[in-house]
Amino acid sequence: MNFIAQNYDYWRAGHIISVIAWMAGLLYLPRLFIYHFNAEKGGELEASLITQEHRLLRIIMNPAFVLTWIFGILLIISNAERAGGWSIFLQGPWLFKFTLVSIMTGLHHYFAYARKQFSKGERPLTQKQWRILNELPALLMIIIVLIATVWLR
């Protein structure tokens, strides 16, 4: 067994830790956007929110996002070796999970784009739309965890 497969439990621990940090950011950043939506343009609250949004994205979310993907790829490689081949990833639950993780990744990038728009004084989307988007990461996370823990054995 090679180094990657031998360290499966470490990759899994790293993946769980980084997913928790990434999810914290994905759940909190749109909440900041909701507060930002009502802040006076050019005001003290807006300036504070711009700083918070920037730091959350750059210091927590982006590193956690990258580590989530790195550890996830290491887990995929480990699972392929442990299961005896790559064909296991062509099963429906795996493909569904990969699709949802891709959507989550797209959401991360959209939030990063929206943060830049807010920092320019723009208000992308409506407050109601941000409230809806605020729930999407949690919904995706629930489905992804169910797939990973119940349907992929």
C-alpha atoms as a PDB file:
ATOM      1  CA  MET A   1       0.000   0.000   0.000  1.00  0.00           C
ATOM      2  CA  ASN A   2       1.392   3.405  -0.887  1.00  0.00           C
ATOM      3  CA  PHE A   3       1.882   6.501   1.267  1.00  0.00           C
ATOM      4  CA  ILE A   4      -1.434   8.099   0.275  1.00  0.00           C
ATOM      5  CA  ALA A   5      -3.519   5.028   1.049  1.00  0.00           C
ATOM      6  CA  GLN A   6      -1.617   4.358   4.288  1.00  0.00           C
ATOM      7  CA  ASN A   7      -2.523   7.794   5.632  1.00  0.00           C
ATOM      8  CA  TYR A   8      -6.229   7.659   4.826  1.00  0.00           C
ATOM      9  CA  ASP A   9      -7.305   8.527   8.383  1.00  0.00           C
ATOM     10  CA  TYR A  10      -5.107  11.655   8.408  1.00  0.00           C
ATOM     11  CA  TRP A  11      -6.553  12.805   5.077  1.00  0.00           C
ATOM     12  CA  ARG A  12     -10.047  12.170   6.413  1.00  0.00           C
ATOM     13  CA  ALA A  13      -9.331  14.186   9.587  1.00  0.00           C
ATOM     14  CA  GLY A  14      -7.863  17.042   7.541  1.00  0.00           C
ATOM     15  CA  HIS A  15     -10.845  16.936   5.204  1.00  0.00           C
ATOM     16  CA  ILE A  16     -13.352  17.115   8.063  1.00  0.00           C
ATOM     17  CA  ILE A  17     -11.493  19.994   9.747  1.00  0.00           C
ATOM     18  CA  SER A  18     -11.200  22.007   6.544  1.00  0.00           C
ATOM     19  CA  VAL A  19     -14.825  21.359   5.558  1.00  0.00           C
ATOM     20  CA  ILE A  20     -15.965  22.669   8.959  1.00  0.00           C
ATOM     21  CA  ALA A  21     -13.962  25.878   8.474  1.00  0.00           C
ATOM     22  CA  TRP A  22     -15.159  26.278   4.874  1.00  0.00           C
ATOM     23  CA  MET A  23     -18.785  25.719   5.855  1.00  0.00           C
ATOM     24  CA  ALA A  24     -18.511  28.266   8.671  1.00  0.00           C
ATOM     25  CA  GLY A  25     -17.477  30.844   6.102  1.00  0.00           C
ATOM     26  CA  LEU A  26     -20.085  29.780   3.538  1.00  0.00           C
ATOM     27  CA  LEU A  27     -22.770  30.148   6.182  1.00  0.00           C
ATOM     28  CA  TYR A  28     -21.516  33.439   7.615  1.00  0.00           C
ATOM     29  CA  LEU A  29     -20.474  35.450   4.555  1.00  0.00           C
ATOM     30  CA  PRO A  30     -23.968  35.727   3.026  1.00  0.00           C
ATOM     31  CA  ARG A  31     -25.254  36.740   6.482  1.00  0.00           C
ATOM     32  CA  LEU A  32     -22.746  39.595   6.420  1.00  0.00           C
ATOM     33  CA  PHE A  33     -24.055  40.497   2.961  1.00  0.00           C
ATOM     34  CA  ILE A  34     -27.575  40.743   4.396  1.00  0.00           C
ATOM     35  CA  TYR A  35     -26.329  43.168   7.045  1.00  0.00           C
ATOM     36  CA  HIS A  36     -24.279  44.990   4.416  1.00  0.00           C
ATOM     37  CA  PHE A  37     -27.329  45.351   2.204  1.00  0.00           C
ATOM     38  CA  ASN A  38     -28.935  47.667   4.779  1.00  0.00           C
ATOM     39  CA  ALA A  39     -25.758  49.553   5.733  1.00  0.00           C
ATOM     40  CA  GLU A  40     -25.463  53.176   4.703  1.00  0.00           C
ATOM     41  CA  LYS A  41     -23.179  53.523   1.684  1.00  0.00           C
ATOM     42  CA  GLY A  42     -19.890  55.056   2.762  1.00  0.00           C
ATOM     43  CA  GLY A  43     -20.817  54.750   6.427  1.00  0.00           C
ATOM     44  CA  GLU A  44     -18.893  53.312   9.337  1.00  0.00           C
ATOM     45  CA  LEU A  45     -20.911  50.072   9.384  1.00  0.00           C
ATOM     46  CA  GLU A  46     -20.292  49.489   5.692  1.00  0.00           C
ATOM     47  CA  ALA A  47     -16.550  50.035   6.157  1.00  0.00           C
ATOM     48  CA  SER A  48     -16.511  47.541   9.018  1.00  0.00           C
ATOM     49  CA  LEU A  49     -18.479  44.966   7.018  1.00  0.00           C
ATOM     50  CA  ILE A  50     -16.172  45.333   4.017  1.00  0.00           C
ATOM     51  CA  THR A  51     -13.194  44.574   6.285  1.00  0.00           C
ATOM     52  CA  GLN A  52     -14.958  41.601   7.916  1.00  0.00           C
ATOM     53  CA  GLU A  53     -16.046  40.148   4.570  1.00  0.00           C
ATOM     54  CA  HIS A  54     -12.554  40.506   3.120  1.00  0.00           C
ATOM     55  CA  ARG A  55     -10.846  38.875   6.113  1.00  0.00           C
ATOM     56  CA  LEU A  56     -13.382  36.055   6.323  1.00  0.00           C
ATOM     57  CA  LEU A  57     -12.873  35.201   2.673  1.00  0.00           C
ATOM     58  CA  ARG A  58      -9.081  35.593   2.528  1.00  0.00           C
ATOM     59  CA  ILE A  59      -8.043  34.245   5.929  1.00  0.00           C
ATOM     60  CA  ILE A  60     -10.613  31.502   6.569  1.00  0.00           C
ATOM     61  CA  MET A  61     -12.686  30.578   3.539  1.00  0.00           C
ATOM     62  CA  ASN A  62     -10.100  30.471   0.755  1.00  0.00           C
ATOM     63  CA  PRO A  63      -7.505  28.403   2.680  1.00  0.00           C
ATOM     64  CA  ALA A  64     -10.234  26.060   3.971  1.00  0.00           C
ATOM     65  CA  PHE A  65     -11.636  25.719   0.449  1.00  0.00           C
ATOM     66  CA  VAL A  66      -8.230  24.784  -0.983  1.00  0.00           C
ATOM     67  CA  LEU A  67      -7.483  22.344   1.853  1.00  0.00           C
ATOM     68  CA  THR A  68     -10.925  20.754   1.505  1.00  0.00           C
ATOM     69  CA  TRP A  69     -10.186  20.026  -2.141  1.00  0.00           C
ATOM     70  CA  ILE A  70      -6.630  18.794  -1.449  1.00  0.00           C
ATOM     71  CA  PHE A  71      -7.731  16.429   1.310  1.00  0.00           C
ATOM     72  CA  GLY A  72     -10.744  15.363  -0.742  1.00  0.00           C
ATOM     73  CA  ILE A  73      -8.522  14.436  -3.675  1.00  0.00           C
ATOM     74  CA  LEU A  74      -6.208  12.505  -1.341  1.00  0.00           C
ATOM     75  CA  LEU A  75      -9.263  10.630  -0.026  1.00  0.00           C
ATOM     76  CA  ILE A  76     -10.384   9.835  -3.567  1.00  0.00           C
ATOM     77  CA  ILE A  77      -6.952   8.442  -4.410  1.00  0.00           C
ATOM     78  CA  SER A  78      -6.923   6.455  -1.148  1.00  0.00           C
ATOM     79  CA  ASN A  79     -10.418   5.092  -1.767  1.00  0.00           C
ATOM     80  CA  ALA A  80      -9.555   4.045  -5.306  1.00  0.00           C
ATOM     81  CA  GLU A  81      -6.581   2.054  -4.070  1.00  0.00           C
ATOM     82  CA  ARG A  82      -8.493   0.544  -1.149  1.00  0.00           C
ATOM     83  CA  ALA A  83     -11.481  -0.385  -3.354  1.00  0.00           C
ATOM     84  CA  GLY A  84      -9.310  -1.854  -6.090  1.00  0.00           C
ATOM     85  CA  GLY A  85      -9.900   0.684  -8.838  1.00  0.00           C
ATOM     86  CA  TRP A  86     -11.316   3.956 -10.052  1.00  0.00           C
ATOM     87  CA  SER A  87     -14.604   2.524 -11.328  1.00  0.00           C
ATOM     88  CA  ILE A  88     -16.227   3.004  -7.908  1.00  0.00           C
ATOM     89  CA  PHE A  89     -16.432   6.726  -8.676  1.00  0.00           C
ATOM     90  CA  LEU A  90     -18.771   6.097 -11.595  1.00  0.00           C
ATOM     91  CA  GLN A  91     -21.545   5.001  -9.240  1.00  0.00           C
ATOM     92  CA  GLY A  92     -24.561   7.298  -8.905  1.00  0.00           C
ATOM     93  CA  PRO A  93     -23.963   8.466  -5.318  1.00  0.00           C
ATOM     94  CA  TRP A  94     -20.361   9.427  -6.086  1.00  0.00           C
ATOM     95  CA  LEU A  95     -21.369  11.349  -9.211  1.00  0.00           C
ATOM     96  CA  PHE A  96     -24.144  13.111  -7.279  1.00  0.00           C
ATOM     97  CA  LYS A  97     -21.702  14.036  -4.505  1.00  0.00           C
ATOM     98  CA  PHE A  98     -19.152  15.372  -7.018  1.00  0.00           C
ATOM     99  CA  THR A  99     -21.914  17.440  -8.643  1.00  0.00           C
ATOM    100  CA  LEU A 100     -23.014  18.938  -5.314  1.00  0.00           C
ATOM    101  CA  VAL A 101     -19.422  19.691  -4.284  1.00  0.00           C
ATOM    102  CA  SER A 102     -18.963  21.440  -7.635  1.00  0.00           C
ATOM    103  CA  ILE A 103     -22.083  23.525  -6.967  1.00  0.00           C
ATOM    104  CA  MET A 104     -20.713  24.383  -3.502  1.00  0.00           C
ATOM    105  CA  THR A 105     -17.445  25.432  -5.135  1.00  0.00           C
ATOM    106  CA  GLY A 106     -19.339  27.618  -7.593  1.00  0.00           C
ATOM    107  CA  LEU A 107     -21.222  29.191  -4.701  1.00  0.00           C
ATOM    108  CA  HIS A 108     -17.913  29.976  -2.987  1.00  0.00           C
ATOM    109  CA  HIS A 109     -16.689  31.738  -6.122  1.00  0.00           C
ATOM    110  CA  TYR A 110     -19.952  33.632  -6.499  1.00  0.00           C
ATOM    111  CA  PHE A 111     -19.701  34.829  -2.885  1.00  0.00           C
ATOM    112  CA  ALA A 112     -16.123  35.994  -3.588  1.00  0.00           C
ATOM    113  CA  TYR A 113     -17.386  37.901  -6.641  1.00  0.00           C
ATOM    114  CA  ALA A 114     -20.245  39.432  -4.621  1.00  0.00           C
ATOM    115  CA  ARG A 115     -17.805  40.509  -1.903  1.00  0.00           C
ATOM    116  CA  LYS A 116     -15.924  42.546  -4.504  1.00  0.00           C
ATOM    117  CA  GLN A 117     -19.200  44.097  -5.669  1.00  0.00           C
ATOM    118  CA  PHE A 118     -20.176  45.041  -2.105  1.00  0.00           C
ATOM    119  CA  SER A 119     -16.733  46.556  -1.519  1.00  0.00           C
ATOM    120  CA  LYS A 120     -17.347  48.829  -4.534  1.00  0.00           C
ATOM    121  CA  GLY A 121     -20.595  50.057  -2.971  1.00  0.00           C
ATOM    122  CA  GLU A 122     -22.810  47.939  -5.219  1.00  0.00           C
ATOM    123  CA  ARG A 123     -25.645  45.772  -3.925  1.00  0.00           C
ATOM    124  CA  PRO A 124     -25.798  42.598  -6.023  1.00  0.00           C
ATOM    125  CA  LEU A 125     -29.094  40.758  -5.683  1.00  0.00           C
ATOM    126  CA  THR A 126     -31.883  41.722  -3.297  1.00  0.00           C
ATOM    127  CA  GLN A 127     -31.934  41.222   0.434  1.00  0.00           C
ATOM    128  CA  LYS A 128     -34.514  38.450  -0.013  1.00  0.00           C
ATOM    129  CA  GLN A 129     -32.275  36.701  -2.552  1.00  0.00           C
ATOM    130  CA  TRP A 130     -29.368  36.867  -0.100  1.00  0.00           C
ATOM    131  CA  ARG A 131     -31.567  35.330   2.591  1.00  0.00           C
ATOM    132  CA  ILE A 132     -32.350  32.444   0.251  1.00  0.00           C
ATOM    133  CA  LEU A 133     -28.687  32.041  -0.788  1.00  0.00           C
ATOM    134  CA  ASN A 134     -27.760  32.065   2.897  1.00  0.00           C
ATOM    135  CA  GLU A 135     -29.599  28.733   3.278  1.00  0.00           C
ATOM    136  CA  LEU A 136     -28.155  27.007   0.214  1.00  0.00           C
ATOM    137  CA  PRO A 137     -24.757  25.992   1.694  1.00  0.00           C
ATOM    138  CA  ALA A 138     -26.491  24.318   4.656  1.00  0.00           C
ATOM    139  CA  LEU A 139     -28.841  22.396   2.357  1.00  0.00           C
ATOM    140  CA  LEU A 140     -25.973  21.264   0.133  1.00  0.00           C
ATOM    141  CA  MET A 141     -23.922  20.278   3.184  1.00  0.00           C
ATOM    142  CA  ILE A 142     -26.728  18.120   4.589  1.00  0.00           C
ATOM    143  CA  ILE A 143     -27.143  16.231   1.319  1.00  0.00           C
ATOM    144  CA  ILE A 144     -23.377  15.817   0.821  1.00  0.00           C
ATOM    145  CA  VAL A 145     -22.927  14.457   4.361  1.00  0.00           C
ATOM    146  CA  LEU A 146     -25.825  12.027   3.884  1.00  0.00           C
ATOM    147  CA  ILE A 147     -24.290  10.779   0.658  1.00  0.00           C
ATOM    148  CA  ALA A 148     -20.833  10.413   2.243  1.00  0.00           C
ATOM    149  CA  THR A 149     -22.009   8.688   5.420  1.00  0.00           C
ATOM    150  CA  VAL A 150     -25.099   6.706   4.447  1.00  0.00           C
ATOM    151  CA  TRP A 151     -25.089   5.994   0.715  1.00  0.00           C
ATOM    152  CA  LEU A 152     -21.361   5.499   0.180  1.00  0.00           C
ATOM    153  CA  ARG A 153     -20.344   2.501   2.227  1.00  0.00           C
END
